[in-house]
Amino acid sequence: MEIVFSTQEKEFFSDPVKDSHKDFVSELAEGSLWSEIDELEQRLNDFSEEFEQINDKSSFKGQYLEVLIYNLESELKEMKKLYKNNI
């Protein structure tokens, strides 16, 4: 004996609960990512202000701040690209 169960794919996968859960998780991830971007931008601003106040930019502290600023700018660029691709 063979029983065949047939349903349309669209009806089977359009469960409103799954859709709303997917939307919620997506919005949560976007909000979390944007929060990280905001935090990194604030740190970048703080480091940039501190670097501007240093008289000897070639000192260890000046070079260290330059590296931090460069790395934060690179990380922010990648995170913003990721955010734009997921919207």
PDB file of N, CA and C in Angstrom:
ATOM      1  N   MET A   1       0.835  -1.156   0.000  1.00  0.00           N
ATOM      2  CA  MET A   1       0.000   0.000   0.000  1.00  0.00           C
ATOM      3  C   MET A   1       0.896   1.241   0.000  1.00  0.00           C
ATOM      4  N   GLU A   2       0.541   2.209  -0.817  1.00  0.00           N
ATOM      5  CA  GLU A   2       1.315   3.443  -0.932  1.00  0.00           C
ATOM      6  C   GLU A   2       0.382   4.626  -0.762  1.00  0.00           C
ATOM      7  N   ILE A   3       0.813   5.576   0.080  1.00  0.00           N
ATOM      8  CA  ILE A   3       0.040   6.796   0.297  1.00  0.00           C
ATOM      9  C   ILE A   3       0.885   7.964  -0.186  1.00  0.00           C
ATOM     10  N   VAL A   4       0.288   8.777  -0.987  1.00  0.00           N
ATOM     11  CA  VAL A   4       0.986   9.937  -1.517  1.00  0.00           C
ATOM     12  C   VAL A   4       0.352  11.191  -0.933  1.00  0.00           C
ATOM     13  N   PHE A   5       1.181  11.996  -0.332  1.00  0.00           N
ATOM     14  CA  PHE A   5       0.714  13.247   0.240  1.00  0.00           C
ATOM     15  C   PHE A   5       1.252  14.369  -0.628  1.00  0.00           C
ATOM     16  N   SER A   6       0.378  15.155  -1.168  1.00  0.00           N
ATOM     17  CA  SER A   6       0.782  16.226  -2.065  1.00  0.00           C
ATOM     18  C   SER A   6       0.342  17.565  -1.504  1.00  0.00           C
ATOM     19  N   THR A   7       1.248  18.514  -1.523  1.00  0.00           N
ATOM     20  CA  THR A   7       0.931  19.870  -1.100  1.00  0.00           C
ATOM     21  C   THR A   7       1.748  20.835  -1.930  1.00  0.00           C
ATOM     22  N   GLN A   8       1.273  22.019  -2.048  1.00  0.00           N
ATOM     23  CA  GLN A   8       2.037  23.001  -2.798  1.00  0.00           C
ATOM     24  C   GLN A   8       3.122  23.565  -1.893  1.00  0.00           C
ATOM     25  N   GLU A   9       4.297  23.701  -2.445  1.00  0.00           N
ATOM     26  CA  GLU A   9       5.445  24.174  -1.683  1.00  0.00           C
ATOM     27  C   GLU A   9       5.184  25.544  -1.071  1.00  0.00           C
ATOM     28  N   LYS A  10       4.543  26.415  -1.811  1.00  0.00           N
ATOM     29  CA  LYS A  10       4.275  27.753  -1.336  1.00  0.00           C
ATOM     30  C   LYS A  10       3.411  27.731  -0.078  1.00  0.00           C
ATOM     31  N   GLU A  11       2.392  26.899  -0.065  1.00  0.00           N
ATOM     32  CA  GLU A  11       1.514  26.803   1.096  1.00  0.00           C
ATOM     33  C   GLU A  11       2.255  26.210   2.291  1.00  0.00           C
ATOM     34  N   PHE A  12       3.090  25.236   2.040  1.00  0.00           N
ATOM     35  CA  PHE A  12       3.780  24.529   3.114  1.00  0.00           C
ATOM     36  C   PHE A  12       4.798  25.421   3.818  1.00  0.00           C
ATOM     37  N   PHE A  13       5.509  26.236   3.074  1.00  0.00           N
ATOM     38  CA  PHE A  13       6.584  27.032   3.653  1.00  0.00           C
ATOM     39  C   PHE A  13       6.194  28.466   4.002  1.00  0.00           C
ATOM     40  N   SER A  14       4.951  28.851   3.848  1.00  0.00           N
ATOM     41  CA  SER A  14       4.566  30.232   4.148  1.00  0.00           C
ATOM     42  C   SER A  14       3.935  30.367   5.529  1.00  0.00           C
ATOM     43  N   ASP A  15       4.399  29.623   6.473  1.00  0.00           N
ATOM     44  CA  ASP A  15       3.889  29.675   7.832  1.00  0.00           C
ATOM     45  C   ASP A  15       4.170  31.059   8.430  1.00  0.00           C
ATOM     46  N   PRO A  16       3.130  31.793   8.821  1.00  0.00           N
ATOM     47  CA  PRO A  16       3.321  33.149   9.335  1.00  0.00           C
ATOM     48  C   PRO A  16       4.219  33.214  10.568  1.00  0.00           C
ATOM     49  N   VAL A  17       4.190  32.182  11.389  1.00  0.00           N
ATOM     50  CA  VAL A  17       5.028  32.171  12.593  1.00  0.00           C
ATOM     51  C   VAL A  17       6.502  32.094  12.195  1.00  0.00           C
ATOM     52  N   LYS A  18       6.816  31.242  11.230  1.00  0.00           N
ATOM     53  CA  LYS A  18       8.198  31.134  10.767  1.00  0.00           C
ATOM     54  C   LYS A  18       8.650  32.440  10.132  1.00  0.00           C
ATOM     55  N   ASP A  19       7.786  33.062   9.359  1.00  0.00           N
ATOM     56  CA  ASP A  19       8.122  34.330   8.714  1.00  0.00           C
ATOM     57  C   ASP A  19       8.377  35.422   9.743  1.00  0.00           C
ATOM     58  N   SER A  20       7.511  35.517  10.747  1.00  0.00           N
ATOM     59  CA  SER A  20       7.694  36.565  11.747  1.00  0.00           C
ATOM     60  C   SER A  20       8.944  36.299  12.581  1.00  0.00           C
ATOM     61  N   HIS A  21       9.241  35.033  12.864  1.00  0.00           N
ATOM     62  CA  HIS A  21      10.460  34.693  13.597  1.00  0.00           C
ATOM     63  C   HIS A  21      11.690  35.059  12.775  1.00  0.00           C
ATOM     64  N   LYS A  22      11.646  34.763  11.485  1.00  0.00           N
ATOM     65  CA  LYS A  22      12.763  35.091  10.601  1.00  0.00           C
ATOM     66  C   LYS A  22      12.962  36.603  10.546  1.00  0.00           C
ATOM     67  N   ASP A  23      11.863  37.366  10.449  1.00  0.00           N
ATOM     68  CA  ASP A  23      11.946  38.828  10.433  1.00  0.00           C
ATOM     69  C   ASP A  23      12.523  39.354  11.744  1.00  0.00           C
ATOM     70  N   PHE A  24      12.079  38.783  12.850  1.00  0.00           N
ATOM     71  CA  PHE A  24      12.565  39.216  14.162  1.00  0.00           C
ATOM     72  C   PHE A  24      14.062  38.983  14.294  1.00  0.00           C
ATOM     73  N   VAL A  25      14.510  37.804  13.917  1.00  0.00           N
ATOM     74  CA  VAL A  25      15.928  37.471  14.015  1.00  0.00           C
ATOM     75  C   VAL A  25      16.751  38.370  13.091  1.00  0.00           C
ATOM     76  N   SER A  26      16.235  38.636  11.914  1.00  0.00           N
ATOM     77  CA  SER A  26      16.926  39.504  10.965  1.00  0.00           C
ATOM     78  C   SER A  26      17.068  40.924  11.518  1.00  0.00           C
ATOM     79  N   GLU A  27      15.990  41.457  12.062  1.00  0.00           N
ATOM     80  CA  GLU A  27      16.026  42.801  12.641  1.00  0.00           C
ATOM     81  C   GLU A  27      16.937  42.853  13.860  1.00  0.00           C
ATOM     82  N   LEU A  28      16.926  41.804  14.664  1.00  0.00           N
ATOM     83  CA  LEU A  28      17.793  41.736  15.830  1.00  0.00           C
ATOM     84  C   LEU A  28      19.265  41.746  15.409  1.00  0.00           C
ATOM     85  N   ALA A  29      19.586  40.965  14.385  1.00  0.00           N
ATOM     86  CA  ALA A  29      20.965  40.913  13.888  1.00  0.00           C
ATOM     87  C   ALA A  29      21.393  42.265  13.319  1.00  0.00           C
ATOM     88  N   GLU A  30      20.509  42.910  12.556  1.00  0.00           N
ATOM     89  CA  GLU A  30      20.829  44.225  11.991  1.00  0.00           C
ATOM     90  C   GLU A  30      21.043  45.248  13.106  1.00  0.00           C
ATOM     91  N   GLY A  31      20.193  45.217  14.119  1.00  0.00           N
ATOM     92  CA  GLY A  31      20.334  46.147  15.240  1.00  0.00           C
ATOM     93  C   GLY A  31      21.626  45.916  16.006  1.00  0.00           C
ATOM     94  N   SER A  32      21.967  44.668  16.207  1.00  0.00           N
ATOM     95  CA  SER A  32      23.210  44.340  16.908  1.00  0.00           C
ATOM     96  C   SER A  32      24.422  44.801  16.109  1.00  0.00           C
ATOM     97  N   LEU A  33      24.391  44.568  14.810  1.00  0.00           N
ATOM     98  CA  LEU A  33      25.497  44.985  13.947  1.00  0.00           C
ATOM     99  C   LEU A  33      25.621  46.503  13.948  1.00  0.00           C
ATOM    100  N   TRP A  34      24.493  47.204  13.851  1.00  0.00           N
ATOM    101  CA  TRP A  34      24.540  48.665  13.850  1.00  0.00           C
ATOM    102  C   TRP A  34      25.039  49.197  15.192  1.00  0.00           C
ATOM    103  N   SER A  35      24.696  48.531  16.273  1.00  0.00           N
ATOM    104  CA  SER A  35      25.179  48.926  17.594  1.00  0.00           C
ATOM    105  C   SER A  35      26.704  48.789  17.664  1.00  0.00           C
ATOM    106  N   GLU A  36      27.237  47.715  17.123  1.00  0.00           N
ATOM    107  CA  GLU A  36      28.691  47.527  17.076  1.00  0.00           C
ATOM    108  C   GLU A  36      29.351  48.603  16.228  1.00  0.00           C
ATOM    109  N   ILE A  37      28.720  48.946  15.105  1.00  0.00           N
ATOM    110  CA  ILE A  37      29.263  49.998  14.233  1.00  0.00           C
ATOM    111  C   ILE A  37      29.311  51.319  14.992  1.00  0.00           C
ATOM    112  N   ASP A  38      28.243  51.652  15.711  1.00  0.00           N
ATOM    113  CA  ASP A  38      28.212  52.894  16.494  1.00  0.00           C
ATOM    114  C   ASP A  38      29.321  52.920  17.539  1.00  0.00           C
ATOM    115  N   GLU A  39      29.512  51.805  18.215  1.00  0.00           N
ATOM    116  CA  GLU A  39      30.542  51.718  19.244  1.00  0.00           C
ATOM    117  C   GLU A  39      31.941  51.901  18.640  1.00  0.00           C
ATOM    118  N   LEU A  40      32.194  51.262  17.506  1.00  0.00           N
ATOM    119  CA  LEU A  40      33.492  51.401  16.849  1.00  0.00           C
ATOM    120  C   LEU A  40      33.714  52.826  16.357  1.00  0.00           C
ATOM    121  N   GLU A  41      32.669  53.470  15.855  1.00  0.00           N
ATOM    122  CA  GLU A  41      32.802  54.856  15.411  1.00  0.00           C
ATOM    123  C   GLU A  41      33.131  55.781  16.581  1.00  0.00           C
ATOM    124  N   GLN A  42      32.541  55.529  17.721  1.00  0.00           N
ATOM    125  CA  GLN A  42      32.839  56.339  18.905  1.00  0.00           C
ATOM    126  C   GLN A  42      34.295  56.144  19.331  1.00  0.00           C
ATOM    127  N   ARG A  43      34.759  54.906  19.339  1.00  0.00           N
ATOM    128  CA  ARG A  43      36.164  54.651  19.683  1.00  0.00           C
ATOM    129  C   ARG A  43      37.099  55.289  18.673  1.00  0.00           C
ATOM    130  N   LEU A  44      36.743  55.237  17.399  1.00  0.00           N
ATOM    131  CA  LEU A  44      37.553  55.858  16.359  1.00  0.00           C
ATOM    132  C   LEU A  44      37.643  57.368  16.590  1.00  0.00           C
ATOM    133  N   ASN A  45      36.523  57.990  16.899  1.00  0.00           N
ATOM    134  CA  ASN A  45      36.525  59.431  17.187  1.00  0.00           C
ATOM    135  C   ASN A  45      37.388  59.764  18.394  1.00  0.00           C
ATOM    136  N   ASP A  46      37.285  58.952  19.444  1.00  0.00           N
ATOM    137  CA  ASP A  46      38.090  59.177  20.646  1.00  0.00           C
ATOM    138  C   ASP A  46      39.579  59.070  20.330  1.00  0.00           C
ATOM    139  N   PHE A  47      39.964  58.023  19.610  1.00  0.00           N
ATOM    140  CA  PHE A  47      41.376  57.835  19.263  1.00  0.00           C
ATOM    141  C   PHE A  47      41.877  58.941  18.338  1.00  0.00           C
ATOM    142  N   SER A  48      41.037  59.367  17.405  1.00  0.00           N
ATOM    143  CA  SER A  48      41.429  60.431  16.478  1.00  0.00           C
ATOM    144  C   SER A  48      41.639  61.751  17.223  1.00  0.00           C
ATOM    145  N   GLU A  49      40.753  62.067  18.158  1.00  0.00           N
ATOM    146  CA  GLU A  49      40.907  63.284  18.958  1.00  0.00           C
ATOM    147  C   GLU A  49      42.179  63.232  19.786  1.00  0.00           C
ATOM    148  N   GLU A  50      42.439  62.088  20.384  1.00  0.00           N
ATOM    149  CA  GLU A  50      43.648  61.949  21.196  1.00  0.00           C
ATOM    150  C   GLU A  50      44.899  62.063  20.317  1.00  0.00           C
ATOM    151  N   PHE A  51      44.854  61.485  19.124  1.00  0.00           N
ATOM    152  CA  PHE A  51      46.002  61.575  18.214  1.00  0.00           C
ATOM    153  C   PHE A  51      46.265  63.018  17.809  1.00  0.00           C
ATOM    154  N   GLU A  52      45.206  63.777  17.573  1.00  0.00           N
ATOM    155  CA  GLU A  52      45.364  65.179  17.171  1.00  0.00           C
ATOM    156  C   GLU A  52      46.010  66.017  18.270  1.00  0.00           C
ATOM    157  N   GLN A  53      45.809  65.625  19.514  1.00  0.00           N
ATOM    158  CA  GLN A  53      46.348  66.386  20.642  1.00  0.00           C
ATOM    159  C   GLN A  53      47.810  66.075  20.937  1.00  0.00           C
ATOM    160  N   ILE A  54      48.342  65.016  20.339  1.00  0.00           N
ATOM    161  CA  ILE A  54      49.731  64.631  20.585  1.00  0.00           C
ATOM    162  C   ILE A  54      50.656  65.558  19.804  1.00  0.00           C
ATOM    163  N   ASN A  55      51.682  66.074  20.488  1.00  0.00           N
ATOM    164  CA  ASN A  55      52.656  66.941  19.829  1.00  0.00           C
ATOM    165  C   ASN A  55      53.618  66.142  18.960  1.00  0.00           C
ATOM    166  N   ASP A  56      54.116  65.029  19.498  1.00  0.00           N
ATOM    167  CA  ASP A  56      55.086  64.212  18.764  1.00  0.00           C
ATOM    168  C   ASP A  56      54.365  62.994  18.176  1.00  0.00           C
ATOM    169  N   LYS A  57      53.918  63.145  16.939  1.00  0.00           N
ATOM    170  CA  LYS A  57      53.144  62.082  16.285  1.00  0.00           C
ATOM    171  C   LYS A  57      53.988  60.832  16.012  1.00  0.00           C
ATOM    172  N   SER A  58      55.315  60.981  16.000  1.00  0.00           N
ATOM    173  CA  SER A  58      56.183  59.830  15.736  1.00  0.00           C
ATOM    174  C   SER A  58      56.571  59.086  17.014  1.00  0.00           C
ATOM    175  N   SER A  59      56.053  59.531  18.156  1.00  0.00           N
ATOM    176  CA  SER A  59      56.323  58.832  19.414  1.00  0.00           C
ATOM    177  C   SER A  59      55.624  57.466  19.401  1.00  0.00           C
ATOM    178  N   PHE A  60      55.964  56.642  20.382  1.00  0.00           N
ATOM    179  CA  PHE A  60      55.343  55.334  20.471  1.00  0.00           C
ATOM    180  C   PHE A  60      53.824  55.460  20.574  1.00  0.00           C
ATOM    181  N   LYS A  61      53.366  56.375  21.427  1.00  0.00           N
ATOM    182  CA  LYS A  61      51.924  56.567  21.608  1.00  0.00           C
ATOM    183  C   LYS A  61      51.270  57.027  20.308  1.00  0.00           C
ATOM    184  N   GLY A  62      51.919  57.938  19.605  1.00  0.00           N
ATOM    185  CA  GLY A  62      51.381  58.420  18.333  1.00  0.00           C
ATOM    186  C   GLY A  62      51.289  57.306  17.305  1.00  0.00           C
ATOM    187  N   GLN A  63      52.339  56.502  17.199  1.00  0.00           N
ATOM    188  CA  GLN A  63      52.331  55.392  16.243  1.00  0.00           C
ATOM    189  C   GLN A  63      51.290  54.352  16.619  1.00  0.00           C
ATOM    190  N   TYR A  64      51.162  54.097  17.918  1.00  0.00           N
ATOM    191  CA  TYR A  64      50.175  53.132  18.385  1.00  0.00           C
ATOM    192  C   TYR A  64      48.759  53.595  18.055  1.00  0.00           C
ATOM    193  N   LEU A  65      48.490  54.877  18.284  1.00  0.00           N
ATOM    194  CA  LEU A  65      47.174  55.422  17.962  1.00  0.00           C
ATOM    195  C   LEU A  65      46.917  55.367  16.456  1.00  0.00           C
ATOM    196  N   GLU A  66      47.935  55.617  15.645  1.00  0.00           N
ATOM    197  CA  GLU A  66      47.770  55.517  14.187  1.00  0.00           C
ATOM    198  C   GLU A  66      47.362  54.112  13.773  1.00  0.00           C
ATOM    199  N   VAL A  67      47.993  53.115  14.394  1.00  0.00           N
ATOM    200  CA  VAL A  67      47.650  51.725  14.088  1.00  0.00           C
ATOM    201  C   VAL A  67      46.221  51.418  14.527  1.00  0.00           C
ATOM    202  N   LEU A  68      45.860  51.870  15.711  1.00  0.00           N
ATOM    203  CA  LEU A  68      44.487  51.647  16.188  1.00  0.00           C
ATOM    204  C   LEU A  68      43.473  52.303  15.266  1.00  0.00           C
ATOM    205  N   ILE A  69      43.750  53.521  14.856  1.00  0.00           N
ATOM    206  CA  ILE A  69      42.843  54.253  13.964  1.00  0.00           C
ATOM    207  C   ILE A  69      42.723  53.533  12.624  1.00  0.00           C
ATOM    208  N   TYR A  70      43.849  53.114  12.069  1.00  0.00           N
ATOM    209  CA  TYR A  70      43.838  52.411  10.781  1.00  0.00           C
ATOM    210  C   TYR A  70      43.019  51.126  10.875  1.00  0.00           C
ATOM    211  N   ASN A  71      43.254  50.353  11.951  1.00  0.00           N
ATOM    212  CA  ASN A  71      42.529  49.088  12.115  1.00  0.00           C
ATOM    213  C   ASN A  71      41.034  49.314  12.324  1.00  0.00           C
ATOM    214  N   LEU A  72      40.669  50.325  13.088  1.00  0.00           N
ATOM    215  CA  LEU A  72      39.252  50.622  13.300  1.00  0.00           C
ATOM    216  C   LEU A  72      38.581  51.078  12.007  1.00  0.00           C
ATOM    217  N   GLU A  73      39.283  51.886  11.218  1.00  0.00           N
ATOM    218  CA  GLU A  73      38.717  52.329   9.938  1.00  0.00           C
ATOM    219  C   GLU A  73      38.481  51.140   9.013  1.00  0.00           C
ATOM    220  N   SER A  74      39.443  50.211   8.980  1.00  0.00           N
ATOM    221  CA  SER A  74      39.290  49.012   8.139  1.00  0.00           C
ATOM    222  C   SER A  74      38.132  48.149   8.616  1.00  0.00           C
ATOM    223  N   GLU A  75      38.051  47.961   9.921  1.00  0.00           N
ATOM    224  CA  GLU A  75      36.973  47.141  10.483  1.00  0.00           C
ATOM    225  C   GLU A  75      35.608  47.777  10.239  1.00  0.00           C
ATOM    226  N   LEU A  76      35.529  49.089  10.403  1.00  0.00           N
ATOM    227  CA  LEU A  76      34.271  49.795  10.156  1.00  0.00           C
ATOM    228  C   LEU A  76      33.857  49.690   8.697  1.00  0.00           C
ATOM    229  N   LYS A  77      34.801  49.805   7.813  1.00  0.00           N
ATOM    230  CA  LYS A  77      34.500  49.705   6.385  1.00  0.00           C
ATOM    231  C   LYS A  77      33.888  48.339   6.069  1.00  0.00           C
ATOM    232  N   GLU A  78      34.467  47.276   6.605  1.00  0.00           N
ATOM    233  CA  GLU A  78      33.950  45.928   6.369  1.00  0.00           C
ATOM    234  C   GLU A  78      32.583  45.724   7.008  1.00  0.00           C
ATOM    235  N   MET A  79      32.411  46.236   8.227  1.00  0.00           N
ATOM    236  CA  MET A  79      31.125  46.067   8.908  1.00  0.00           C
ATOM    237  C   MET A  79      30.016  46.832   8.198  1.00  0.00           C
ATOM    238  N   LYS A  80      30.317  48.035   7.704  1.00  0.00           N
ATOM    239  CA  LYS A  80      29.309  48.807   6.985  1.00  0.00           C
ATOM    240  C   LYS A  80      28.953  48.133   5.667  1.00  0.00           C
ATOM    241  N   LYS A  81      29.951  47.533   5.029  1.00  0.00           N
ATOM    242  CA  LYS A  81      29.678  46.801   3.790  1.00  0.00           C
ATOM    243  C   LYS A  81      28.781  45.604   4.087  1.00  0.00           C
ATOM    244  N   LEU A  82      29.052  44.906   5.162  1.00  0.00           N
ATOM    245  CA  LEU A  82      28.229  43.767   5.575  1.00  0.00           C
ATOM    246  C   LEU A  82      26.805  44.232   5.896  1.00  0.00           C
ATOM    247  N   TYR A  83      26.683  45.345   6.595  1.00  0.00           N
ATOM    248  CA  TYR A  83      25.368  45.872   6.945  1.00  0.00           C
ATOM    249  C   TYR A  83      24.571  46.239   5.698  1.00  0.00           C
ATOM    250  N   LYS A  84      25.217  46.916   4.746  1.00  0.00           N
ATOM    251  CA  LYS A  84      24.530  47.317   3.518  1.00  0.00           C
ATOM    252  C   LYS A  84      24.108  46.117   2.688  1.00  0.00           C
ATOM    253  N   ASN A  85      24.903  45.065   2.691  1.00  0.00           N
ATOM    254  CA  ASN A  85      24.581  43.864   1.922  1.00  0.00           C
ATOM    255  C   ASN A  85      23.430  43.080   2.536  1.00  0.00           C
ATOM    256  N   ASN A  86      23.203  43.259   3.829  1.00  0.00           N
ATOM    257  CA  ASN A  86      22.143  42.503   4.507  1.00  0.00           C
ATOM    258  C   ASN A  86      20.840  43.257   4.617  1.00  0.00           C
ATOM    259  N   ILE A  87      20.805  44.499   4.208  1.00  0.00           N
ATOM    260  CA  ILE A  87      19.552  45.270   4.303  1.00  0.00           C
ATOM    261  C   ILE A  87      18.612  44.867   3.213  1.00  0.00           C
TER     262      ILE A  87
END
